[in-house]
Amino acid sequence: MVYEIQKIITSIVIVVLVIIGIAKLSNFIFKVEENVVAYKVEVQERETGSVEEETIDISAFLAMGTVEHGQKVFKKCAACHSIKEGGKNKIGPALWAVMQRKSGELGDYKYSKSLLSYDKRWSFAELNGFLLKPATWIKGNKMGFAGLKKDKDRASVILYLNEMSSEPYPLP
């Protein structure tokens, strides 16, 4: 009987040692101590709502785009935003007549606190900055879009958004 208990205890000790040995060996082989970042995103920090140091000639900027091109590029936005008159909110708010609308103004959409407190109107320059890098233009907003890097694409989308209104805002 004593030998049976001794065999059981020995078996348990051997199993524990094998498990610890395998763990140590795998840590050595796979180098678990190193913290490797698989995908690093570079984000430039910027104060919410502050005007960029570099000002652009908005007339020359908008001249780069066309409404037709903006309609094509807007397809990237259409997954989250409707643009039709009377269109419903989707993941993002409806964008019909967004030009010169105050940020966070639609009553039937749940905006982030940062957009509600932003307290600015969507002008050509504001939309340009926001569409370039939404996450850094208004920190804390819930728009997960990376932005439109090409000037022509941004200018075109802004022109298209301006046209999608019963009273388009006059171009500068």
C-alpha atoms as a PDB file:
ATOM      1  CA  MET A   1       0.000   0.000   0.000  1.00  0.00           C
ATOM      2  CA  VAL A   2       2.861   2.358   0.852  1.00  0.00           C
ATOM      3  CA  TYR A   3       4.415   1.664  -2.519  1.00  0.00           C
ATOM      4  CA  GLU A   4       1.164   2.577  -4.300  1.00  0.00           C
ATOM      5  CA  ILE A   5       1.019   5.959  -2.549  1.00  0.00           C
ATOM      6  CA  GLN A   6       4.686   6.508  -3.301  1.00  0.00           C
ATOM      7  CA  LYS A   7       4.065   5.757  -7.015  1.00  0.00           C
ATOM      8  CA  ILE A   8       1.163   8.243  -7.124  1.00  0.00           C
ATOM      9  CA  ILE A   9       3.159  11.020  -5.436  1.00  0.00           C
ATOM     10  CA  THR A  10       6.159  10.338  -7.697  1.00  0.00           C
ATOM     11  CA  SER A  11       3.929  10.466 -10.776  1.00  0.00           C
ATOM     12  CA  ILE A  12       2.448  13.803  -9.678  1.00  0.00           C
ATOM     13  CA  VAL A  13       5.904  15.289  -9.027  1.00  0.00           C
ATOM     14  CA  ILE A  14       7.153  14.084 -12.430  1.00  0.00           C
ATOM     15  CA  VAL A  15       4.113  15.572 -14.224  1.00  0.00           C
ATOM     16  CA  VAL A  16       4.621  18.922 -12.455  1.00  0.00           C
ATOM     17  CA  LEU A  17       8.326  18.952 -13.345  1.00  0.00           C
ATOM     18  CA  VAL A  18       7.579  18.089 -16.988  1.00  0.00           C
ATOM     19  CA  ILE A  19       4.984  20.900 -17.229  1.00  0.00           C
ATOM     20  CA  ILE A  20       7.369  23.434 -15.670  1.00  0.00           C
ATOM     21  CA  GLY A  21      10.170  22.219 -17.951  1.00  0.00           C
ATOM     22  CA  ILE A  22       8.034  22.552 -21.067  1.00  0.00           C
ATOM     23  CA  ALA A  23       6.970  26.077 -20.014  1.00  0.00           C
ATOM     24  CA  LYS A  24      10.598  27.131 -19.435  1.00  0.00           C
ATOM     25  CA  LEU A  25      11.708  25.563 -22.709  1.00  0.00           C
ATOM     26  CA  SER A  26       8.934  27.248 -24.718  1.00  0.00           C
ATOM     27  CA  ASN A  27       9.729  30.633 -23.102  1.00  0.00           C
ATOM     28  CA  PHE A  28      13.356  30.159 -24.138  1.00  0.00           C
ATOM     29  CA  ILE A  29      12.487  29.112 -27.691  1.00  0.00           C
ATOM     30  CA  PHE A  30       9.847  31.794 -28.332  1.00  0.00           C
ATOM     31  CA  LYS A  31      11.480  34.611 -26.332  1.00  0.00           C
ATOM     32  CA  VAL A  32       8.349  35.710 -24.485  1.00  0.00           C
ATOM     33  CA  GLU A  33      10.135  38.450 -22.554  1.00  0.00           C
ATOM     34  CA  GLU A  34      10.232  40.742 -25.618  1.00  0.00           C
ATOM     35  CA  ASN A  35       7.209  42.990 -26.172  1.00  0.00           C
ATOM     36  CA  VAL A  36       6.747  43.200 -29.944  1.00  0.00           C
ATOM     37  CA  VAL A  37       4.244  45.658 -31.385  1.00  0.00           C
ATOM     38  CA  ALA A  38       2.739  44.131 -34.503  1.00  0.00           C
ATOM     39  CA  TYR A  39       1.131  47.314 -35.882  1.00  0.00           C
ATOM     40  CA  LYS A  40       2.177  50.727 -34.711  1.00  0.00           C
ATOM     41  CA  VAL A  41       0.049  53.748 -35.553  1.00  0.00           C
ATOM     42  CA  GLU A  42       1.754  57.126 -35.506  1.00  0.00           C
ATOM     43  CA  VAL A  43      -0.558  59.890 -34.286  1.00  0.00           C
ATOM     44  CA  GLN A  44       0.421  63.521 -33.999  1.00  0.00           C
ATOM     45  CA  GLU A  45      -0.967  65.144 -30.882  1.00  0.00           C
ATOM     46  CA  ARG A  46      -3.061  68.283 -31.310  1.00  0.00           C
ATOM     47  CA  GLU A  47      -5.313  70.308 -29.053  1.00  0.00           C
ATOM     48  CA  THR A  48      -9.028  69.882 -29.656  1.00  0.00           C
ATOM     49  CA  GLY A  49     -10.420  72.622 -31.811  1.00  0.00           C
ATOM     50  CA  SER A  50      -7.214  74.584 -32.155  1.00  0.00           C
ATOM     51  CA  VAL A  51      -6.555  76.156 -35.519  1.00  0.00           C
ATOM     52  CA  GLU A  52      -3.566  74.746 -37.332  1.00  0.00           C
ATOM     53  CA  GLU A  53      -0.502  76.931 -37.590  1.00  0.00           C
ATOM     54  CA  GLU A  54      -0.401  76.428 -41.334  1.00  0.00           C
ATOM     55  CA  THR A  55      -3.315  78.164 -43.017  1.00  0.00           C
ATOM     56  CA  ILE A  56      -4.287  77.201 -46.528  1.00  0.00           C
ATOM     57  CA  ASP A  57      -5.862  79.149 -49.347  1.00  0.00           C
ATOM     58  CA  ILE A  58      -9.266  77.469 -49.205  1.00  0.00           C
ATOM     59  CA  SER A  59     -10.262  78.759 -52.675  1.00  0.00           C
ATOM     60  CA  ALA A  60      -7.187  77.217 -54.292  1.00  0.00           C
ATOM     61  CA  PHE A  61      -7.681  74.059 -52.232  1.00  0.00           C
ATOM     62  CA  LEU A  62     -11.308  73.631 -53.350  1.00  0.00           C
ATOM     63  CA  ALA A  63     -10.292  74.283 -56.977  1.00  0.00           C
ATOM     64  CA  MET A  64      -8.436  70.938 -56.869  1.00  0.00           C
ATOM     65  CA  GLY A  65     -11.673  68.990 -56.504  1.00  0.00           C
ATOM     66  CA  THR A  66     -14.913  68.374 -58.343  1.00  0.00           C
ATOM     67  CA  VAL A  67     -18.383  67.452 -57.135  1.00  0.00           C
ATOM     68  CA  GLU A  68     -18.367  64.379 -59.417  1.00  0.00           C
ATOM     69  CA  HIS A  69     -15.110  63.100 -57.937  1.00  0.00           C
ATOM     70  CA  GLY A  70     -16.459  63.857 -54.469  1.00  0.00           C
ATOM     71  CA  GLN A  71     -19.501  61.698 -55.147  1.00  0.00           C
ATOM     72  CA  LYS A  72     -17.191  58.789 -56.020  1.00  0.00           C
ATOM     73  CA  VAL A  73     -14.943  59.297 -52.973  1.00  0.00           C
ATOM     74  CA  PHE A  74     -17.985  59.677 -50.717  1.00  0.00           C
ATOM     75  CA  LYS A  75     -18.690  55.973 -51.257  1.00  0.00           C
ATOM     76  CA  LYS A  76     -16.087  55.408 -48.511  1.00  0.00           C
ATOM     77  CA  CYS A  77     -18.272  57.498 -46.202  1.00  0.00           C
ATOM     78  CA  ALA A  78     -21.612  56.020 -47.298  1.00  0.00           C
ATOM     79  CA  ALA A  79     -21.136  52.909 -45.172  1.00  0.00           C
ATOM     80  CA  CYS A  80     -21.596  55.051 -42.053  1.00  0.00           C
ATOM     81  CA  HIS A  81     -23.346  58.226 -43.268  1.00  0.00           C
ATOM     82  CA  SER A  82     -26.415  58.915 -45.380  1.00  0.00           C
ATOM     83  CA  ILE A  83     -26.341  61.951 -47.665  1.00  0.00           C
ATOM     84  CA  LYS A  84     -29.944  61.985 -48.918  1.00  0.00           C
ATOM     85  CA  GLU A  85     -32.402  64.669 -47.906  1.00  0.00           C
ATOM     86  CA  GLY A  86     -34.362  63.230 -44.995  1.00  0.00           C
ATOM     87  CA  GLY A  87     -31.837  60.379 -44.773  1.00  0.00           C
ATOM     88  CA  LYS A  88     -31.598  58.453 -41.530  1.00  0.00           C
ATOM     89  CA  ASN A  89     -28.605  58.364 -39.254  1.00  0.00           C
ATOM     90  CA  LYS A  90     -26.470  55.270 -39.565  1.00  0.00           C
ATOM     91  CA  ILE A  91     -23.364  54.579 -37.501  1.00  0.00           C
ATOM     92  CA  GLY A  92     -22.583  58.241 -38.137  1.00  0.00           C
ATOM     93  CA  PRO A  93     -24.994  61.176 -38.413  1.00  0.00           C
ATOM     94  CA  ALA A  94     -26.844  62.045 -41.614  1.00  0.00           C
ATOM     95  CA  LEU A  95     -24.827  64.560 -43.639  1.00  0.00           C
ATOM     96  CA  TRP A  96     -27.553  66.267 -45.691  1.00  0.00           C
ATOM     97  CA  ALA A  97     -26.975  70.036 -45.354  1.00  0.00           C
ATOM     98  CA  VAL A  98     -23.949  69.552 -43.096  1.00  0.00           C
ATOM     99  CA  MET A  99     -22.169  72.671 -44.371  1.00  0.00           C
ATOM    100  CA  GLN A 100     -22.369  75.459 -41.760  1.00  0.00           C
ATOM    101  CA  ARG A 101     -24.268  73.163 -39.391  1.00  0.00           C
ATOM    102  CA  LYS A 102     -23.033  73.337 -35.817  1.00  0.00           C
ATOM    103  CA  SER A 103     -21.141  70.267 -34.641  1.00  0.00           C
ATOM    104  CA  GLY A 104     -23.360  67.947 -32.630  1.00  0.00           C
ATOM    105  CA  GLU A 105     -26.509  69.726 -33.796  1.00  0.00           C
ATOM    106  CA  LEU A 106     -28.698  66.818 -34.951  1.00  0.00           C
ATOM    107  CA  GLY A 107     -31.065  66.037 -32.102  1.00  0.00           C
ATOM    108  CA  ASP A 108     -31.739  62.435 -33.116  1.00  0.00           C
ATOM    109  CA  TYR A 109     -28.092  61.319 -33.144  1.00  0.00           C
ATOM    110  CA  LYS A 110     -26.014  60.424 -30.070  1.00  0.00           C
ATOM    111  CA  TYR A 111     -22.779  62.363 -30.567  1.00  0.00           C
ATOM    112  CA  SER A 112     -19.610  61.916 -28.533  1.00  0.00           C
ATOM    113  CA  LYS A 113     -19.043  64.464 -25.764  1.00  0.00           C
ATOM    114  CA  SER A 114     -16.117  65.945 -27.699  1.00  0.00           C
ATOM    115  CA  LEU A 115     -18.282  66.734 -30.749  1.00  0.00           C
ATOM    116  CA  LEU A 116     -21.071  68.136 -28.586  1.00  0.00           C
ATOM    117  CA  SER A 117     -18.642  70.471 -26.835  1.00  0.00           C
ATOM    118  CA  TYR A 118     -16.679  71.387 -29.991  1.00  0.00           C
ATOM    119  CA  ASP A 119     -19.075  74.296 -30.581  1.00  0.00           C
ATOM    120  CA  LYS A 120     -18.017  75.202 -34.130  1.00  0.00           C
ATOM    121  CA  ARG A 121     -19.766  75.197 -37.480  1.00  0.00           C
ATOM    122  CA  TRP A 122     -18.677  72.921 -40.307  1.00  0.00           C
ATOM    123  CA  SER A 123     -16.950  75.354 -42.662  1.00  0.00           C
ATOM    124  CA  PHE A 124     -14.782  74.450 -45.632  1.00  0.00           C
ATOM    125  CA  ALA A 125     -11.635  74.755 -43.488  1.00  0.00           C
ATOM    126  CA  GLU A 126     -13.108  72.802 -40.543  1.00  0.00           C
ATOM    127  CA  LEU A 127     -14.198  69.955 -42.813  1.00  0.00           C
ATOM    128  CA  ASN A 128     -10.766  69.918 -44.445  1.00  0.00           C
ATOM    129  CA  GLY A 129      -9.009  69.506 -41.106  1.00  0.00           C
ATOM    130  CA  PHE A 130     -11.519  66.967 -39.818  1.00  0.00           C
ATOM    131  CA  LEU A 131     -11.478  64.835 -42.966  1.00  0.00           C
ATOM    132  CA  LEU A 132      -7.669  64.794 -43.000  1.00  0.00           C
ATOM    133  CA  LYS A 133      -7.405  63.171 -39.531  1.00  0.00           C
ATOM    134  CA  PRO A 134     -10.702  62.979 -37.618  1.00  0.00           C
ATOM    135  CA  ALA A 135      -9.121  61.457 -34.506  1.00  0.00           C
ATOM    136  CA  THR A 136      -6.636  64.292 -34.049  1.00  0.00           C
ATOM    137  CA  TRP A 137      -8.804  67.188 -35.258  1.00  0.00           C
ATOM    138  CA  ILE A 138     -11.393  66.598 -32.526  1.00  0.00           C
ATOM    139  CA  LYS A 139      -9.935  64.343 -29.863  1.00  0.00           C
ATOM    140  CA  GLY A 140     -12.343  61.878 -28.322  1.00  0.00           C
ATOM    141  CA  ASN A 141     -14.797  61.759 -31.220  1.00  0.00           C
ATOM    142  CA  LYS A 142     -16.055  58.290 -32.061  1.00  0.00           C
ATOM    143  CA  MET A 143     -15.410  58.401 -35.809  1.00  0.00           C
ATOM    144  CA  GLY A 144     -13.040  55.532 -36.521  1.00  0.00           C
ATOM    145  CA  PHE A 145     -12.168  56.641 -40.052  1.00  0.00           C
ATOM    146  CA  ALA A 146      -8.446  57.158 -40.737  1.00  0.00           C
ATOM    147  CA  GLY A 147      -9.033  60.194 -42.948  1.00  0.00           C
ATOM    148  CA  LEU A 148      -8.599  61.258 -46.558  1.00  0.00           C
ATOM    149  CA  LYS A 149      -4.908  61.931 -47.203  1.00  0.00           C
ATOM    150  CA  LYS A 150      -5.162  63.216 -50.782  1.00  0.00           C
ATOM    151  CA  ASP A 151      -5.986  66.918 -51.102  1.00  0.00           C
ATOM    152  CA  LYS A 152      -8.048  66.319 -54.246  1.00  0.00           C
ATOM    153  CA  ASP A 153     -10.187  63.700 -52.466  1.00  0.00           C
ATOM    154  CA  ARG A 154     -10.836  65.971 -49.465  1.00  0.00           C
ATOM    155  CA  ALA A 155     -11.602  68.997 -51.631  1.00  0.00           C
ATOM    156  CA  SER A 156     -13.962  66.929 -53.766  1.00  0.00           C
ATOM    157  CA  VAL A 157     -15.821  65.437 -50.803  1.00  0.00           C
ATOM    158  CA  ILE A 158     -16.199  68.909 -49.274  1.00  0.00           C
ATOM    159  CA  LEU A 159     -17.611  70.247 -52.554  1.00  0.00           C
ATOM    160  CA  TYR A 160     -19.975  67.258 -52.744  1.00  0.00           C
ATOM    161  CA  LEU A 161     -21.127  67.746 -49.142  1.00  0.00           C
ATOM    162  CA  ASN A 162     -21.744  71.414 -49.876  1.00  0.00           C
ATOM    163  CA  GLU A 163     -23.889  70.527 -52.907  1.00  0.00           C
ATOM    164  CA  MET A 164     -25.944  68.049 -50.891  1.00  0.00           C
ATOM    165  CA  SER A 165     -28.191  70.721 -49.449  1.00  0.00           C
ATOM    166  CA  SER A 166     -31.281  72.619 -50.484  1.00  0.00           C
ATOM    167  CA  GLU A 167     -29.179  75.791 -50.095  1.00  0.00           C
ATOM    168  CA  PRO A 168     -25.498  75.135 -50.929  1.00  0.00           C
ATOM    169  CA  TYR A 169     -23.111  77.508 -49.173  1.00  0.00           C
ATOM    170  CA  PRO A 170     -21.347  79.989 -51.521  1.00  0.00           C
ATOM    171  CA  LEU A 171     -17.805  78.940 -52.408  1.00  0.00           C
ATOM    172  CA  PRO A 172     -15.025  81.261 -51.212  1.00  0.00           C
END
